[in-house]
Amino acid sequence: MRTDSAAQTAPLRKKSKYGPARIVKWIVYYAAIAVLLCIFLLPFMTMLSKSFMTYTEVRELPVRFWARVMQFSNYAVAFQAKYLRMLLNTLIVVAMNMLGATLMSAFSAFGFTRMKFKLKKPLFVLIMSTLMLPTMITQIPTYILFANLHMLDSLFPLFISTFFGGGVLNIFLVMQFMRGIPKDIDNAAVIDGAGPFRIFFSIALPLCKPVLLYIAITVFTGCWNDIQGPLIYLNSAGVEKYTLSLGFYFDFGAGGQFELYKNWQMALGVLMTIPPAVVFFIFQRQLLDGVVMTGVKG
């Protein structure tokens, strides 16, 4: 009897968190991550290493992976006057797209979630249905529209459309976020005499900061790396109207004046990746918060 009672009262032995099976699982897990990390970083590391090589080393066979002497002068090409002008054009396009996408998507979402008007649901369904349209279908009509408006070979076609709605997907994201904001706040503001614009700018817009910051960052990365839009609308414009991506394409692509200078091309490629990387590492927490809060509040 003592033995049975002792067995019943004896504390159960806890399983160790660091058993052999768990350790093996961790080793396999982190080894797989390390392998994938090396695969994904290999193109960037190759570009980085070749950006410090001379013209001869880049073209050597067998292929070299490290420069004999690091050539920092390759990065001086990016500071030519024409590339600085392209940088300014790129920043203008990026800034205007960020402003238009965030502000106008918030305006549109506020109307659909907080305002009452006729044909609200059919209009929302019509707008959401445009998500199913491939981009290639709308390119030709959009090009003809800007051609008739005499806007070709200018920066306007690259950002003017964002001021007419802000993007369907962006509207949907902001709507999902606004639905989580209690309407009692709006009612209290109305009692205090606030109108729709005051409620939007003083209440709705500040509270939607996480999702708007997410939209702004995604728009920044998309516009910074965009080559298709500038290639369509700025193809016959002068160098002073080019963006960075388009200028690099014409200078270092097939038939470009610097086609053979792959070391310069790699150096400029490294510089092009720095701004999106910096923005991502600074705002990665805000990016995750914007996505998570949008999904939860929806």
Foldseek 3Di string as FASTA:
>chain_A
DVVVVCVVPPDDDDDDPDDPVNVVVVVVVVVVVVVVVCVVCVVLLQLVQLLQAALVQCPDPPHDRHHPGGHPCLLVVCPDPLNVLQAVLLVVLLVLLLVLLLPLLLVLLCCLQPNDDPPSVVVLVVLLVCVPPDPVVCPVVLLVVCVVVVNFQASCSSRVVSNVRNDSVLNLLLNLLQLLPDCVVVVVVVVVPDDPVCCSVVPSSVSLVLQSLLSSLVSNVCSLQDDVVCCSRNVPHDSSRHHNNPVLCQQCPVPHVCVSRSSSSSSVVVVSPPVSVVVCVVCVVSNVCSVVSSVVSD
